[in-house]
PDB file of N, CA and C in Angstrom:
ATOM      1  N   UNK A   1       0.852  -1.179   0.000  1.00  0.00           N
ATOM      2  CA  UNK A   1       0.000   0.000   0.000  1.00  0.00           C
ATOM      3  C   UNK A   1       0.897   1.241   0.000  1.00  0.00           C
ATOM      4  N   UNK A   2       0.620   2.140  -0.917  1.00  0.00           N
ATOM      5  CA  UNK A   2       1.393   3.384  -0.994  1.00  0.00           C
ATOM      6  C   UNK A   2       0.961   4.306   0.143  1.00  0.00           C
ATOM      7  N   UNK A   3       1.945   4.823   0.861  1.00  0.00           N
ATOM      8  CA  UNK A   3       1.685   5.746   1.956  1.00  0.00           C
ATOM      9  C   UNK A   3       2.049   7.158   1.512  1.00  0.00           C
ATOM     10  N   UNK A   4       1.193   8.102   1.849  1.00  0.00           N
ATOM     11  CA  UNK A   4       1.423   9.505   1.512  1.00  0.00           C
ATOM     12  C   UNK A   4       1.737  10.258   2.798  1.00  0.00           C
ATOM     13  N   UNK A   5       2.901  10.870   2.845  1.00  0.00           N
ATOM     14  CA  UNK A   5       3.262  11.650   4.026  1.00  0.00           C
ATOM     15  C   UNK A   5       2.395  12.888   4.089  1.00  0.00           C
ATOM     16  N   UNK A   6       1.965  13.223   5.311  1.00  0.00           N
ATOM     17  CA  UNK A   6       1.095  14.374   5.523  1.00  0.00           C
ATOM     18  C   UNK A   6       1.706  15.294   6.573  1.00  0.00           C
ATOM     19  N   UNK A   7       1.243  16.524   6.564  1.00  0.00           N
ATOM     20  CA  UNK A   7       1.671  17.495   7.562  1.00  0.00           C
ATOM     21  C   UNK A   7       0.689  17.438   8.719  1.00  0.00           C
ATOM     22  N   UNK A   8       1.178  16.976   9.862  1.00  0.00           N
ATOM     23  CA  UNK A   8       0.330  16.823  11.044  1.00  0.00           C
ATOM     24  C   UNK A   8       1.229  16.678  12.257  1.00  0.00           C
ATOM     25  N   UNK A   9       0.730  17.092  13.404  1.00  0.00           N
ATOM     26  CA  UNK A   9       1.498  16.917  14.634  1.00  0.00           C
ATOM     27  C   UNK A   9       1.307  15.519  15.223  1.00  0.00           C
ATOM     28  N   UNK A  10       0.346  14.752  14.717  1.00  0.00           N
ATOM     29  CA  UNK A  10       0.083  13.412  15.262  1.00  0.00           C
ATOM     30  C   UNK A  10       0.190  12.286  14.233  1.00  0.00           C
ATOM     31  N   UNK A  11       0.054  12.603  12.953  1.00  0.00           N
ATOM     32  CA  UNK A  11       0.019  11.582  11.910  1.00  0.00           C
ATOM     33  C   UNK A  11       1.165  11.801  10.932  1.00  0.00           C
ATOM     34  N   UNK A  12       1.889  10.728  10.636  1.00  0.00           N
ATOM     35  CA  UNK A  12       3.020  10.802   9.721  1.00  0.00           C
ATOM     36  C   UNK A  12       2.614  10.535   8.272  1.00  0.00           C
ATOM     37  N   UNK A  13       1.765   9.512   8.064  1.00  0.00           N
ATOM     38  CA  UNK A  13       1.409   9.129   6.699  1.00  0.00           C
ATOM     39  C   UNK A  13       0.050   8.441   6.676  1.00  0.00           C
ATOM     40  N   UNK A  14      -0.583   8.487   5.495  1.00  0.00           N
ATOM     41  CA  UNK A  14      -1.892   7.887   5.285  1.00  0.00           C
ATOM     42  C   UNK A  14      -1.839   7.098   3.973  1.00  0.00           C
ATOM     43  N   UNK A  15      -2.434   5.895   3.991  1.00  0.00           N
ATOM     44  CA  UNK A  15      -2.513   5.093   2.777  1.00  0.00           C
ATOM     45  C   UNK A  15      -3.898   4.495   2.641  1.00  0.00           C
ATOM     46  N   UNK A  16      -4.218   4.022   1.437  1.00  0.00           N
ATOM     47  CA  UNK A  16      -5.547   3.463   1.200  1.00  0.00           C
ATOM     48  C   UNK A  16      -5.484   2.376   0.146  1.00  0.00           C
ATOM     49  N   UNK A  17      -6.119   1.248   0.435  1.00  0.00           N
ATOM     50  CA  UNK A  17      -6.279   0.158  -0.523  1.00  0.00           C
ATOM     51  C   UNK A  17      -7.729   0.186  -0.981  1.00  0.00           C
ATOM     52  N   UNK A  18      -7.975   0.693  -2.180  1.00  0.00           N
ATOM     53  CA  UNK A  18      -9.355   0.882  -2.630  1.00  0.00           C
ATOM     54  C   UNK A  18     -10.076  -0.438  -2.893  1.00  0.00           C
ATOM     55  N   UNK A  19      -9.355  -1.477  -3.261  1.00  0.00           N
ATOM     56  CA  UNK A  19     -10.006  -2.766  -3.498  1.00  0.00           C
ATOM     57  C   UNK A  19     -10.513  -3.376  -2.195  1.00  0.00           C
ATOM     58  N   UNK A  20      -9.746  -3.235  -1.130  1.00  0.00           N
ATOM     59  CA  UNK A  20     -10.134  -3.800   0.164  1.00  0.00           C
ATOM     60  C   UNK A  20     -10.907  -2.806   1.026  1.00  0.00           C
ATOM     61  N   UNK A  21     -10.835  -1.517   0.689  1.00  0.00           N
ATOM     62  CA  UNK A  21     -11.477  -0.501   1.514  1.00  0.00           C
ATOM     63  C   UNK A  21     -10.769  -0.306   2.837  1.00  0.00           C
ATOM     64  N   UNK A  22      -9.449  -0.498   2.807  1.00  0.00           N
ATOM     65  CA  UNK A  22      -8.655  -0.402   4.034  1.00  0.00           C
ATOM     66  C   UNK A  22      -7.862   0.901   4.054  1.00  0.00           C
ATOM     67  N   UNK A  23      -8.032   1.637   5.130  1.00  0.00           N
ATOM     68  CA  UNK A  23      -7.301   2.876   5.365  1.00  0.00           C
ATOM     69  C   UNK A  23      -6.187   2.580   6.358  1.00  0.00           C
ATOM     70  N   UNK A  24      -4.966   2.963   6.026  1.00  0.00           N
ATOM     71  CA  UNK A  24      -3.825   2.775   6.935  1.00  0.00           C
ATOM     72  C   UNK A  24      -3.367   4.145   7.406  1.00  0.00           C
ATOM     73  N   UNK A  25      -3.211   4.263   8.716  1.00  0.00           N
ATOM     74  CA  UNK A  25      -2.763   5.514   9.316  1.00  0.00           C
ATOM     75  C   UNK A  25      -1.517   5.227  10.153  1.00  0.00           C
ATOM     76  N   UNK A  26      -0.436   5.923   9.826  1.00  0.00           N
ATOM     77  CA  UNK A  26       0.818   5.803  10.568  1.00  0.00           C
ATOM     78  C   UNK A  26       0.931   7.019  11.484  1.00  0.00           C
ATOM     79  N   UNK A  27       0.800   6.751  12.773  1.00  0.00           N
ATOM     80  CA  UNK A  27       0.883   7.822  13.758  1.00  0.00           C
ATOM     81  C   UNK A  27       2.334   8.067  14.135  1.00  0.00           C
ATOM     82  N   UNK A  28       2.635   9.269  14.543  1.00  0.00           N
ATOM     83  CA  UNK A  28       4.005   9.634  14.909  1.00  0.00           C
ATOM     84  C   UNK A  28       4.454   8.885  16.161  1.00  0.00           C
ATOM     85  N   UNK A  29       3.577   8.755  17.148  1.00  0.00           N
ATOM     86  CA  UNK A  29       3.977   8.157  18.423  1.00  0.00           C
ATOM     87  C   UNK A  29       3.384   6.789  18.724  1.00  0.00           C
ATOM     88  N   UNK A  30       2.238   6.464  18.137  1.00  0.00           N
ATOM     89  CA  UNK A  30       1.544   5.248  18.604  1.00  0.00           C
ATOM     90  C   UNK A  30       1.465   4.110  17.590  1.00  0.00           C
ATOM     91  N   UNK A  31       2.252   4.160  16.528  1.00  0.00           N
ATOM     92  CA  UNK A  31       2.291   3.045  15.590  1.00  0.00           C
ATOM     93  C   UNK A  31       1.363   3.212  14.400  1.00  0.00           C
ATOM     94  N   UNK A  32       1.127   2.106  13.706  1.00  0.00           N
ATOM     95  CA  UNK A  32       0.350   2.103  12.472  1.00  0.00           C
ATOM     96  C   UNK A  32      -0.888   1.242  12.657  1.00  0.00           C
ATOM     97  N   UNK A  33      -2.013   1.747  12.136  1.00  0.00           N
ATOM     98  CA  UNK A  33      -3.298   1.054  12.275  1.00  0.00           C
ATOM     99  C   UNK A  33      -3.990   0.965  10.926  1.00  0.00           C
ATOM    100  N   UNK A  34      -4.675  -0.161  10.708  1.00  0.00           N
ATOM    101  CA  UNK A  34      -5.543  -0.331   9.552  1.00  0.00           C
ATOM    102  C   UNK A  34      -6.990  -0.206  10.003  1.00  0.00           C
ATOM    103  N   UNK A  35      -7.770   0.543   9.243  1.00  0.00           N
ATOM    104  CA  UNK A  35      -9.206   0.716   9.483  1.00  0.00           C
ATOM    105  C   UNK A  35      -9.936   0.107   8.295  1.00  0.00           C
ATOM    106  N   UNK A  36     -10.982  -0.677   8.569  1.00  0.00           N
ATOM    107  CA  UNK A  36     -11.637  -1.475   7.538  1.00  0.00           C
ATOM    108  C   UNK A  36     -12.986  -0.903   7.116  1.00  0.00           C
ATOM    109  N   UNK A  37     -13.357  -1.202   5.871  1.00  0.00           N
ATOM    110  CA  UNK A  37     -14.626  -0.768   5.274  1.00  0.00           C
ATOM    111  C   UNK A  37     -14.744   0.755   5.221  1.00  0.00           C
ATOM    112  N   UNK A  38     -13.650   1.398   4.880  1.00  0.00           N
ATOM    113  CA  UNK A  38     -13.608   2.855   4.761  1.00  0.00           C
ATOM    114  C   UNK A  38     -13.815   3.215   3.289  1.00  0.00           C
ATOM    115  N   UNK A  39     -14.726   4.130   3.025  1.00  0.00           N
ATOM    116  CA  UNK A  39     -14.996   4.520   1.644  1.00  0.00           C
ATOM    117  C   UNK A  39     -13.872   5.398   1.100  1.00  0.00           C
ATOM    118  N   UNK A  40     -13.783   5.412  -0.213  1.00  0.00           N
ATOM    119  CA  UNK A  40     -12.796   6.250  -0.883  1.00  0.00           C
ATOM    120  C   UNK A  40     -13.071   7.734  -0.602  1.00  0.00           C
ATOM    121  N   UNK A  41     -14.336   8.099  -0.468  1.00  0.00           N
ATOM    122  CA  UNK A  41     -14.696   9.485  -0.152  1.00  0.00           C
ATOM    123  C   UNK A  41     -14.107   9.931   1.182  1.00  0.00           C
ATOM    124  N   UNK A  42     -14.174   9.052   2.175  1.00  0.00           N
ATOM    125  CA  UNK A  42     -13.596   9.360   3.498  1.00  0.00           C
ATOM    126  C   UNK A  42     -12.085   9.536   3.363  1.00  0.00           C
ATOM    127  N   UNK A  43     -11.446   8.648   2.609  1.00  0.00           N
ATOM    128  CA  UNK A  43     -10.002   8.733   2.408  1.00  0.00           C
ATOM    129  C   UNK A  43      -9.600  10.078   1.797  1.00  0.00           C
ATOM    130  N   UNK A  44     -10.277  10.471   0.728  1.00  0.00           N
ATOM    131  CA  UNK A  44      -9.928  11.744   0.080  1.00  0.00           C
ATOM    132  C   UNK A  44     -10.237  12.947   0.969  1.00  0.00           C
ATOM    133  N   UNK A  45     -11.305  12.872   1.721  1.00  0.00           N
ATOM    134  CA  UNK A  45     -11.622  13.944   2.667  1.00  0.00           C
ATOM    135  C   UNK A  45     -10.543  14.032   3.744  1.00  0.00           C
ATOM    136  N   UNK A  46     -10.054  12.878   4.194  1.00  0.00           N
ATOM    137  CA  UNK A  46      -8.989  12.814   5.194  1.00  0.00           C
ATOM    138  C   UNK A  46      -7.730  13.480   4.648  1.00  0.00           C
ATOM    139  N   UNK A  47      -7.355  13.134   3.426  1.00  0.00           N
ATOM    140  CA  UNK A  47      -6.154  13.723   2.822  1.00  0.00           C
ATOM    141  C   UNK A  47      -6.251  15.236   2.680  1.00  0.00           C
ATOM    142  N   UNK A  48      -7.442  15.737   2.394  1.00  0.00           N
ATOM    143  CA  UNK A  48      -7.584  17.175   2.165  1.00  0.00           C
ATOM    144  C   UNK A  48      -7.965  17.961   3.416  1.00  0.00           C
ATOM    145  N   UNK A  49      -8.196  17.281   4.522  1.00  0.00           N
ATOM    146  CA  UNK A  49      -8.580  17.965   5.764  1.00  0.00           C
ATOM    147  C   UNK A  49      -7.445  18.862   6.257  1.00  0.00           C
ATOM    148  N   UNK A  50      -7.763  20.081   6.694  1.00  0.00           N
ATOM    149  CA  UNK A  50      -6.717  20.968   7.203  1.00  0.00           C
ATOM    150  C   UNK A  50      -6.069  20.441   8.485  1.00  0.00           C
ATOM    151  N   UNK A  51      -6.847  19.717   9.295  1.00  0.00           N
ATOM    152  CA  UNK A  51      -6.307  19.103  10.508  1.00  0.00           C
ATOM    153  C   UNK A  51      -6.530  17.598  10.428  1.00  0.00           C
ATOM    154  N   UNK A  52      -5.457  16.877  10.126  1.00  0.00           N
ATOM    155  CA  UNK A  52      -5.563  15.420   9.997  1.00  0.00           C
ATOM    156  C   UNK A  52      -5.939  14.760  11.322  1.00  0.00           C
ATOM    157  N   UNK A  53      -5.373  15.239  12.426  1.00  0.00           N
ATOM    158  CA  UNK A  53      -5.683  14.668  13.735  1.00  0.00           C
ATOM    159  C   UNK A  53      -7.138  14.867  14.116  1.00  0.00           C
ATOM    160  N   UNK A  54      -7.655  16.047  13.868  1.00  0.00           N
ATOM    161  CA  UNK A  54      -9.051  16.329  14.176  1.00  0.00           C
ATOM    162  C   UNK A  54      -9.981  15.495  13.289  1.00  0.00           C
ATOM    163  N   UNK A  55      -9.661  15.380  12.017  1.00  0.00           N
ATOM    164  CA  UNK A  55     -10.470  14.574  11.113  1.00  0.00           C
ATOM    165  C   UNK A  55     -10.474  13.122  11.575  1.00  0.00           C
ATOM    166  N   UNK A  56      -9.297  12.617  11.938  1.00  0.00           N
ATOM    167  CA  UNK A  56      -9.208  11.229  12.409  1.00  0.00           C
ATOM    168  C   UNK A  56     -10.097  11.017  13.628  1.00  0.00           C
ATOM    169  N   UNK A  57     -10.011  11.919  14.585  1.00  0.00           N
ATOM    170  CA  UNK A  57     -10.818  11.776  15.801  1.00  0.00           C
ATOM    171  C   UNK A  57     -12.315  11.815  15.510  1.00  0.00           C
ATOM    172  N   UNK A  58     -12.742  12.729  14.664  1.00  0.00           N
ATOM    173  CA  UNK A  58     -14.173  12.918  14.409  1.00  0.00           C
ATOM    174  C   UNK A  58     -14.782  11.873  13.475  1.00  0.00           C
ATOM    175  N   UNK A  59     -14.055  11.499  12.425  1.00  0.00           N
ATOM    176  CA  UNK A  59     -14.660  10.682  11.378  1.00  0.00           C
ATOM    177  C   UNK A  59     -14.128   9.255  11.280  1.00  0.00           C
ATOM    178  N   UNK A  60     -12.931   9.011  11.772  1.00  0.00           N
ATOM    179  CA  UNK A  60     -12.366   7.660  11.706  1.00  0.00           C
ATOM    180  C   UNK A  60     -12.514   6.966  13.063  1.00  0.00           C
ATOM    181  N   UNK A  61     -11.922   7.560  14.074  1.00  0.00           N
ATOM    182  CA  UNK A  61     -11.959   6.951  15.416  1.00  0.00           C
ATOM    183  C   UNK A  61     -13.387   6.830  15.945  1.00  0.00           C
ATOM    184  N   UNK A  62     -14.161   7.887  15.831  1.00  0.00           N
ATOM    185  CA  UNK A  62     -15.544   7.872  16.324  1.00  0.00           C
ATOM    186  C   UNK A  62     -16.538   7.397  15.272  1.00  0.00           C
ATOM    187  N   UNK A  63     -16.017   7.048  14.083  1.00  0.00           N
ATOM    188  CA  UNK A  63     -16.870   6.616  12.988  1.00  0.00           C
ATOM    189  C   UNK A  63     -17.310   5.155  13.066  1.00  0.00           C
ATOM    190  N   UNK A  64     -16.804   4.429  14.054  1.00  0.00           N
ATOM    191  CA  UNK A  64     -17.226   3.049  14.247  1.00  0.00           C
ATOM    192  C   UNK A  64     -16.537   2.037  13.354  1.00  0.00           C
ATOM    193  N   UNK A  65     -15.435   2.415  12.702  1.00  0.00           N
ATOM    194  CA  UNK A  65     -14.726   1.471  11.858  1.00  0.00           C
ATOM    195  C   UNK A  65     -13.961   0.462  12.709  1.00  0.00           C
ATOM    196  N   UNK A  66     -13.994  -0.799  12.307  1.00  0.00           N
ATOM    197  CA  UNK A  66     -13.153  -1.781  12.986  1.00  0.00           C
ATOM    198  C   UNK A  66     -11.715  -1.523  12.558  1.00  0.00           C
ATOM    199  N   UNK A  67     -10.772  -1.896  13.418  1.00  0.00           N
ATOM    200  CA  UNK A  67      -9.381  -1.580  13.144  1.00  0.00           C
ATOM    201  C   UNK A  67      -8.460  -2.602  13.805  1.00  0.00           C
ATOM    202  N   UNK A  68      -7.230  -2.605  13.394  1.00  0.00           N
ATOM    203  CA  UNK A  68      -6.210  -3.428  14.042  1.00  0.00           C
ATOM    204  C   UNK A  68      -4.860  -2.728  13.900  1.00  0.00           C
ATOM    205  N   UNK A  69      -3.983  -3.021  14.842  1.00  0.00           N
ATOM    206  CA  UNK A  69      -2.631  -2.465  14.776  1.00  0.00           C
ATOM    207  C   UNK A  69      -1.815  -3.303  13.809  1.00  0.00           C
ATOM    208  N   UNK A  70      -1.031  -2.649  12.987  1.00  0.00           N
ATOM    209  CA  UNK A  70      -0.219  -3.353  11.982  1.00  0.00           C
ATOM    210  C   UNK A  70       1.133  -3.699  12.575  1.00  0.00           C
TER     211      UNK A  70
END
C-alpha cells in the first residue's frame, strides 16, 4: 500500500487500498493502524482535511470502523 506523508502533529502518513477498503494511518507516536470498510470518499476527505488529527478523531476513530494495529 502506498503511503502519503502528511503534515500533522500526530500523523506521519496515510494510505488506502481501494479494493479492500482499508485505510492505513501511521501515527508519529503510537504506531500504524488499519481501518476497515472505509470509503474512498472518506479517504480523500482525510487527505484534504486541514487538521488530519481532528479529522481522524471525528470521522475515523468515532466513525465506528473496525481496526487493528499493523
